[in-house]
N, C-alpha and C. Protein backbone atom coordinates (compact mmCIF):
# COMPACT_ATOMS: atom_id res chain seq x y z
N MET A 1 51.83 -58.47 84.87
CA MET A 1 52.09 -57.06 85.09
C MET A 1 51.74 -56.71 86.54
N THR A 2 52.63 -55.98 87.20
CA THR A 2 52.43 -55.58 88.59
C THR A 2 51.86 -54.18 88.64
N ASN A 3 50.82 -54.01 89.42
CA ASN A 3 50.29 -52.67 89.55
C ASN A 3 50.62 -52.11 90.94
N LEU A 4 50.40 -50.85 91.13
CA LEU A 4 50.74 -50.17 92.37
C LEU A 4 50.05 -50.80 93.57
N GLU A 5 48.80 -51.17 93.41
CA GLU A 5 48.05 -51.76 94.52
C GLU A 5 48.68 -53.08 94.97
N GLN A 6 49.17 -53.86 94.02
CA GLN A 6 49.84 -55.13 94.36
C GLN A 6 51.11 -54.87 95.17
N ILE A 7 51.88 -53.90 94.72
CA ILE A 7 53.12 -53.56 95.41
C ILE A 7 52.81 -53.08 96.83
N ARG A 8 51.79 -52.26 96.95
CA ARG A 8 51.39 -51.74 98.26
C ARG A 8 51.00 -52.87 99.21
N LYS A 9 50.27 -53.84 98.72
CA LYS A 9 49.82 -54.98 99.54
C LYS A 9 51.00 -55.82 100.02
N GLU A 10 52.08 -55.84 99.24
CA GLU A 10 53.24 -56.65 99.60
C GLU A 10 54.14 -55.98 100.64
N LEU A 11 53.93 -54.70 100.89
CA LEU A 11 54.73 -53.99 101.89
C LEU A 11 54.30 -54.40 103.29
N SER A 12 55.26 -54.38 104.20
CA SER A 12 54.91 -54.65 105.60
C SER A 12 54.05 -53.49 106.11
N PRO A 13 53.24 -53.71 107.14
CA PRO A 13 52.42 -52.62 107.68
C PRO A 13 53.25 -51.40 108.09
N ALA A 14 54.42 -51.65 108.68
CA ALA A 14 55.28 -50.54 109.11
C ALA A 14 55.78 -49.74 107.90
N ARG A 15 56.21 -50.47 106.86
CA ARG A 15 56.72 -49.80 105.64
C ARG A 15 55.59 -49.05 104.94
N ARG A 16 54.40 -49.65 104.88
CA ARG A 16 53.24 -49.00 104.26
C ARG A 16 52.91 -47.70 104.98
N LYS A 17 52.95 -47.74 106.31
CA LYS A 17 52.65 -46.55 107.11
C LYS A 17 53.68 -45.45 106.84
N LYS A 18 54.94 -45.84 106.72
CA LYS A 18 56.01 -44.87 106.45
C LYS A 18 55.83 -44.24 105.06
N VAL A 19 55.50 -45.05 104.08
CA VAL A 19 55.27 -44.56 102.71
C VAL A 19 54.08 -43.60 102.68
N GLU A 20 53.00 -43.98 103.36
CA GLU A 20 51.81 -43.12 103.40
C GLU A 20 52.09 -41.80 104.10
N ALA A 21 52.89 -41.83 105.17
CA ALA A 21 53.24 -40.61 105.89
C ALA A 21 54.07 -39.69 105.00
N ARG A 22 55.02 -40.27 104.26
CA ARG A 22 55.85 -39.45 103.36
C ARG A 22 55.01 -38.88 102.23
N ALA A 23 54.09 -39.65 101.71
CA ALA A 23 53.20 -39.16 100.65
C ALA A 23 52.38 -37.99 101.16
N ALA A 24 51.87 -38.10 102.39
CA ALA A 24 51.09 -37.01 102.98
C ALA A 24 51.95 -35.76 103.15
N GLU A 25 53.21 -35.93 103.55
CA GLU A 25 54.13 -34.79 103.68
C GLU A 25 54.31 -34.08 102.34
N LEU A 26 54.54 -34.86 101.30
CA LEU A 26 54.76 -34.27 99.97
C LEU A 26 53.52 -33.55 99.48
N ILE A 27 52.36 -34.14 99.71
CA ILE A 27 51.11 -33.51 99.29
C ILE A 27 50.89 -32.23 100.07
N ALA A 28 51.22 -32.22 101.36
CA ALA A 28 50.99 -31.07 102.22
C ALA A 28 51.92 -29.91 101.93
N GLU A 29 53.02 -30.15 101.22
CA GLU A 29 53.98 -29.10 100.97
C GLU A 29 53.41 -28.00 100.07
N GLU A 30 52.46 -28.32 99.25
CA GLU A 30 51.88 -27.32 98.36
C GLU A 30 50.42 -27.63 98.13
N MET A 31 49.56 -26.70 98.52
CA MET A 31 48.12 -26.87 98.35
C MET A 31 47.49 -25.53 98.01
N THR A 32 46.41 -25.59 97.28
CA THR A 32 45.60 -24.40 97.09
C THR A 32 44.76 -24.20 98.35
N LEU A 33 44.14 -23.04 98.50
CA LEU A 33 43.26 -22.83 99.65
C LEU A 33 42.12 -23.83 99.65
N GLN A 34 41.60 -24.13 98.48
CA GLN A 34 40.51 -25.10 98.38
C GLN A 34 40.97 -26.48 98.85
N GLU A 35 42.15 -26.91 98.39
CA GLU A 35 42.68 -28.21 98.81
C GLU A 35 42.94 -28.24 100.31
N LEU A 36 43.45 -27.14 100.84
CA LEU A 36 43.70 -27.05 102.27
C LEU A 36 42.40 -27.14 103.06
N ARG A 37 41.39 -26.43 102.62
CA ARG A 37 40.08 -26.47 103.29
C ARG A 37 39.54 -27.90 103.28
N ARG A 38 39.63 -28.55 102.13
CA ARG A 38 39.13 -29.93 102.03
C ARG A 38 39.93 -30.88 102.90
N ALA A 39 41.25 -30.69 102.94
CA ALA A 39 42.11 -31.53 103.78
C ALA A 39 41.75 -31.36 105.25
N ARG A 40 41.28 -30.18 105.62
CA ARG A 40 40.86 -29.91 107.00
C ARG A 40 39.42 -30.36 107.23
N LYS A 41 38.81 -30.94 106.19
CA LYS A 41 37.43 -31.45 106.26
C LYS A 41 36.42 -30.35 106.60
N LEU A 42 36.60 -29.21 105.94
CA LEU A 42 35.70 -28.07 106.12
C LEU A 42 34.95 -27.80 104.83
N THR A 43 33.67 -27.47 104.93
CA THR A 43 32.89 -27.10 103.75
C THR A 43 33.00 -25.59 103.54
N GLN A 44 32.64 -25.15 102.33
CA GLN A 44 32.61 -23.71 102.07
C GLN A 44 31.58 -23.04 102.97
N VAL A 45 30.47 -23.71 103.23
CA VAL A 45 29.42 -23.14 104.09
C VAL A 45 29.96 -22.92 105.51
N ARG A 46 30.67 -23.91 106.02
CA ARG A 46 31.21 -23.79 107.38
C ARG A 46 32.26 -22.69 107.45
N MET A 47 33.12 -22.61 106.44
CA MET A 47 34.13 -21.54 106.39
C MET A 47 33.45 -20.17 106.32
N ALA A 48 32.40 -20.09 105.51
CA ALA A 48 31.67 -18.82 105.36
C ALA A 48 31.12 -18.36 106.71
N LYS A 49 30.57 -19.29 107.47
CA LYS A 49 30.04 -18.95 108.79
C LYS A 49 31.14 -18.47 109.71
N LYS A 50 32.29 -19.13 109.69
CA LYS A 50 33.41 -18.75 110.55
C LYS A 50 33.94 -17.37 110.20
N LEU A 51 33.92 -17.04 108.91
CA LEU A 51 34.48 -15.76 108.46
C LEU A 51 33.43 -14.66 108.31
N GLY A 52 32.17 -15.01 108.48
CA GLY A 52 31.12 -14.01 108.37
C GLY A 52 30.90 -13.51 106.95
N VAL A 53 31.05 -14.43 105.99
CA VAL A 53 30.82 -14.09 104.58
C VAL A 53 29.88 -15.13 103.99
N SER A 54 29.52 -14.96 102.73
CA SER A 54 28.65 -15.93 102.06
C SER A 54 29.47 -17.10 101.53
N GLN A 55 28.78 -18.20 101.24
CA GLN A 55 29.44 -19.36 100.63
C GLN A 55 30.06 -18.96 99.30
N ASP A 56 29.36 -18.11 98.55
CA ASP A 56 29.89 -17.62 97.29
C ASP A 56 31.18 -16.83 97.49
N GLY A 57 31.26 -16.12 98.61
CA GLY A 57 32.47 -15.36 98.93
C GLY A 57 33.66 -16.28 99.13
N ILE A 58 33.43 -17.42 99.76
CA ILE A 58 34.51 -18.41 99.95
C ILE A 58 34.92 -18.99 98.61
N SER A 59 33.95 -19.29 97.76
CA SER A 59 34.24 -19.82 96.43
C SER A 59 35.13 -18.84 95.65
N LYS A 60 34.78 -17.57 95.69
CA LYS A 60 35.56 -16.54 94.98
C LYS A 60 36.95 -16.40 95.60
N LEU A 61 37.02 -16.45 96.92
CA LEU A 61 38.30 -16.33 97.62
C LEU A 61 39.24 -17.45 97.20
N GLU A 62 38.73 -18.67 97.10
CA GLU A 62 39.56 -19.82 96.74
C GLU A 62 40.05 -19.76 95.29
N LYS A 63 39.40 -18.98 94.46
CA LYS A 63 39.81 -18.88 93.05
C LYS A 63 40.77 -17.72 92.81
N ARG A 64 40.92 -16.84 93.79
CA ARG A 64 41.78 -15.67 93.61
C ARG A 64 43.25 -16.06 93.68
N SER A 65 44.06 -15.38 92.90
CA SER A 65 45.50 -15.62 92.94
C SER A 65 46.22 -14.51 93.70
N ASP A 66 45.51 -13.44 94.04
CA ASP A 66 46.12 -12.30 94.72
C ASP A 66 45.24 -11.93 95.92
N LEU A 67 45.75 -12.18 97.13
CA LEU A 67 45.00 -11.92 98.36
C LEU A 67 45.76 -10.96 99.26
N LEU A 68 45.02 -10.21 100.05
CA LEU A 68 45.66 -9.45 101.12
C LEU A 68 46.16 -10.45 102.15
N LEU A 69 47.30 -10.17 102.75
CA LEU A 69 47.82 -11.08 103.77
C LEU A 69 46.84 -11.21 104.94
N SER A 70 46.16 -10.13 105.28
CA SER A 70 45.20 -10.19 106.39
C SER A 70 44.05 -11.14 106.05
N THR A 71 43.62 -11.16 104.80
CA THR A 71 42.56 -12.07 104.38
C THR A 71 43.05 -13.51 104.43
N LEU A 72 44.25 -13.74 103.95
CA LEU A 72 44.83 -15.08 103.98
C LEU A 72 45.01 -15.54 105.42
N ARG A 73 45.51 -14.66 106.30
CA ARG A 73 45.70 -15.01 107.71
C ARG A 73 44.38 -15.40 108.35
N LYS A 74 43.33 -14.60 108.14
CA LYS A 74 42.02 -14.90 108.72
C LYS A 74 41.47 -16.23 108.20
N THR A 75 41.70 -16.51 106.93
CA THR A 75 41.23 -17.76 106.33
C THR A 75 41.95 -18.95 106.95
N VAL A 76 43.25 -18.86 107.06
CA VAL A 76 44.03 -19.95 107.65
C VAL A 76 43.63 -20.15 109.13
N GLU A 77 43.45 -19.05 109.85
CA GLU A 77 43.04 -19.15 111.26
C GLU A 77 41.65 -19.77 111.39
N ALA A 78 40.76 -19.48 110.45
CA ALA A 78 39.42 -20.07 110.47
C ALA A 78 39.48 -21.58 110.26
N MET A 79 40.57 -22.05 109.62
CA MET A 79 40.77 -23.48 109.43
C MET A 79 41.47 -24.11 110.63
N GLY A 80 41.85 -23.28 111.60
CA GLY A 80 42.51 -23.79 112.80
C GLY A 80 44.02 -23.69 112.75
N GLY A 81 44.55 -22.98 111.76
CA GLY A 81 46.01 -22.88 111.62
C GLY A 81 46.53 -21.50 111.96
N ARG A 82 47.81 -21.32 111.69
CA ARG A 82 48.48 -20.03 111.90
C ARG A 82 49.34 -19.76 110.67
N LEU A 83 49.23 -18.57 110.12
CA LEU A 83 49.98 -18.21 108.92
C LEU A 83 51.36 -17.68 109.30
N SER A 84 52.37 -18.16 108.60
CA SER A 84 53.70 -17.58 108.74
C SER A 84 54.27 -17.42 107.34
N LEU A 85 55.09 -16.42 107.17
CA LEU A 85 55.71 -16.16 105.87
C LEU A 85 57.20 -16.44 105.96
N VAL A 86 57.71 -17.10 104.94
CA VAL A 86 59.12 -17.46 104.90
C VAL A 86 59.73 -16.91 103.63
N ALA A 87 60.83 -16.18 103.79
CA ALA A 87 61.58 -15.69 102.63
C ALA A 87 62.72 -16.67 102.37
N GLU A 88 62.85 -17.10 101.13
CA GLU A 88 63.89 -18.06 100.77
C GLU A 88 64.88 -17.41 99.80
N PHE A 89 66.17 -17.63 100.06
CA PHE A 89 67.23 -17.08 99.24
C PHE A 89 68.19 -18.21 98.84
N PRO A 90 68.85 -18.07 97.70
CA PRO A 90 69.76 -19.14 97.28
C PRO A 90 71.02 -19.23 98.12
N ASP A 91 71.40 -18.14 98.81
CA ASP A 91 72.68 -18.11 99.51
C ASP A 91 72.57 -18.12 101.03
N ARG A 92 71.39 -18.43 101.56
CA ARG A 92 71.25 -18.50 103.03
C ARG A 92 70.06 -19.35 103.40
N ASN A 93 69.94 -19.67 104.66
CA ASN A 93 68.80 -20.43 105.15
C ASN A 93 67.53 -19.58 105.06
N PRO A 94 66.37 -20.22 105.00
CA PRO A 94 65.11 -19.47 104.97
C PRO A 94 64.95 -18.58 106.21
N VAL A 95 64.26 -17.47 106.03
CA VAL A 95 64.02 -16.50 107.11
C VAL A 95 62.51 -16.37 107.31
N VAL A 96 62.04 -16.56 108.55
CA VAL A 96 60.63 -16.36 108.87
C VAL A 96 60.44 -14.87 109.09
N LEU A 97 59.55 -14.26 108.31
CA LEU A 97 59.28 -12.83 108.43
C LEU A 97 58.29 -12.61 109.56
N CYS A 98 58.59 -11.67 110.42
CA CYS A 98 57.68 -11.40 111.53
C CYS A 98 57.06 -10.02 111.36
N GLY A 99 55.90 -9.84 111.97
CA GLY A 99 55.23 -8.54 111.96
C GLY A 99 54.46 -8.24 110.69
N ILE A 100 54.34 -9.20 109.77
CA ILE A 100 53.66 -8.93 108.51
C ILE A 100 52.30 -9.60 108.45
N ALA A 101 52.25 -10.87 108.76
CA ALA A 101 50.99 -11.62 108.63
C ALA A 101 50.29 -11.77 109.97
N GLU A 102 50.68 -10.98 110.95
CA GLU A 102 50.13 -11.12 112.29
C GLU A 102 49.24 -9.94 112.64
N ASP A 103 48.22 -10.20 113.47
CA ASP A 103 47.39 -9.11 113.99
C ASP A 103 48.22 -8.17 114.84
N GLU A 104 48.94 -8.78 115.77
CA GLU A 104 49.80 -8.02 116.69
C GLU A 104 51.21 -8.56 116.54
N PRO A 105 52.09 -7.76 115.93
CA PRO A 105 53.47 -8.24 115.77
C PRO A 105 54.09 -8.59 117.12
N ARG A 106 54.84 -9.69 117.14
CA ARG A 106 55.51 -10.08 118.38
C ARG A 106 56.79 -9.27 118.54
N ALA A 107 57.27 -9.26 119.76
CA ALA A 107 58.54 -8.57 120.03
C ALA A 107 59.64 -9.33 119.31
N ARG A 108 60.56 -8.60 118.75
CA ARG A 108 61.65 -9.22 118.02
C ARG A 108 62.59 -9.95 118.98
N ARG A 109 62.92 -11.21 118.62
CA ARG A 109 63.84 -11.98 119.45
C ARG A 109 65.26 -11.70 119.05
N ARG A 110 66.15 -11.73 119.97
CA ARG A 110 67.58 -11.55 119.69
C ARG A 110 68.35 -12.76 120.14
């Protein structure tokens, strides 16, 4: 019987790297705030210090299913990222919404 680890060992280093990169892409496509924080190698204590809240506050934040966009933006920025919102429709390409999740809305591009 062949297991996954055996198959992985038989791959060339280049192919293994490509498979691992694609796996990371798929995993990164959808994460909870907790998973994102962990992927960024941040503790709840460190996040709490960055946001000026208690560790318990971070724990509660990560369990919430309904957040203010400003809270989500600050949390993502504390992790070193930038929040953007994308509206998806079945009949057109995705649209990046501007002026909603930002502190200072940027000038609209034409």
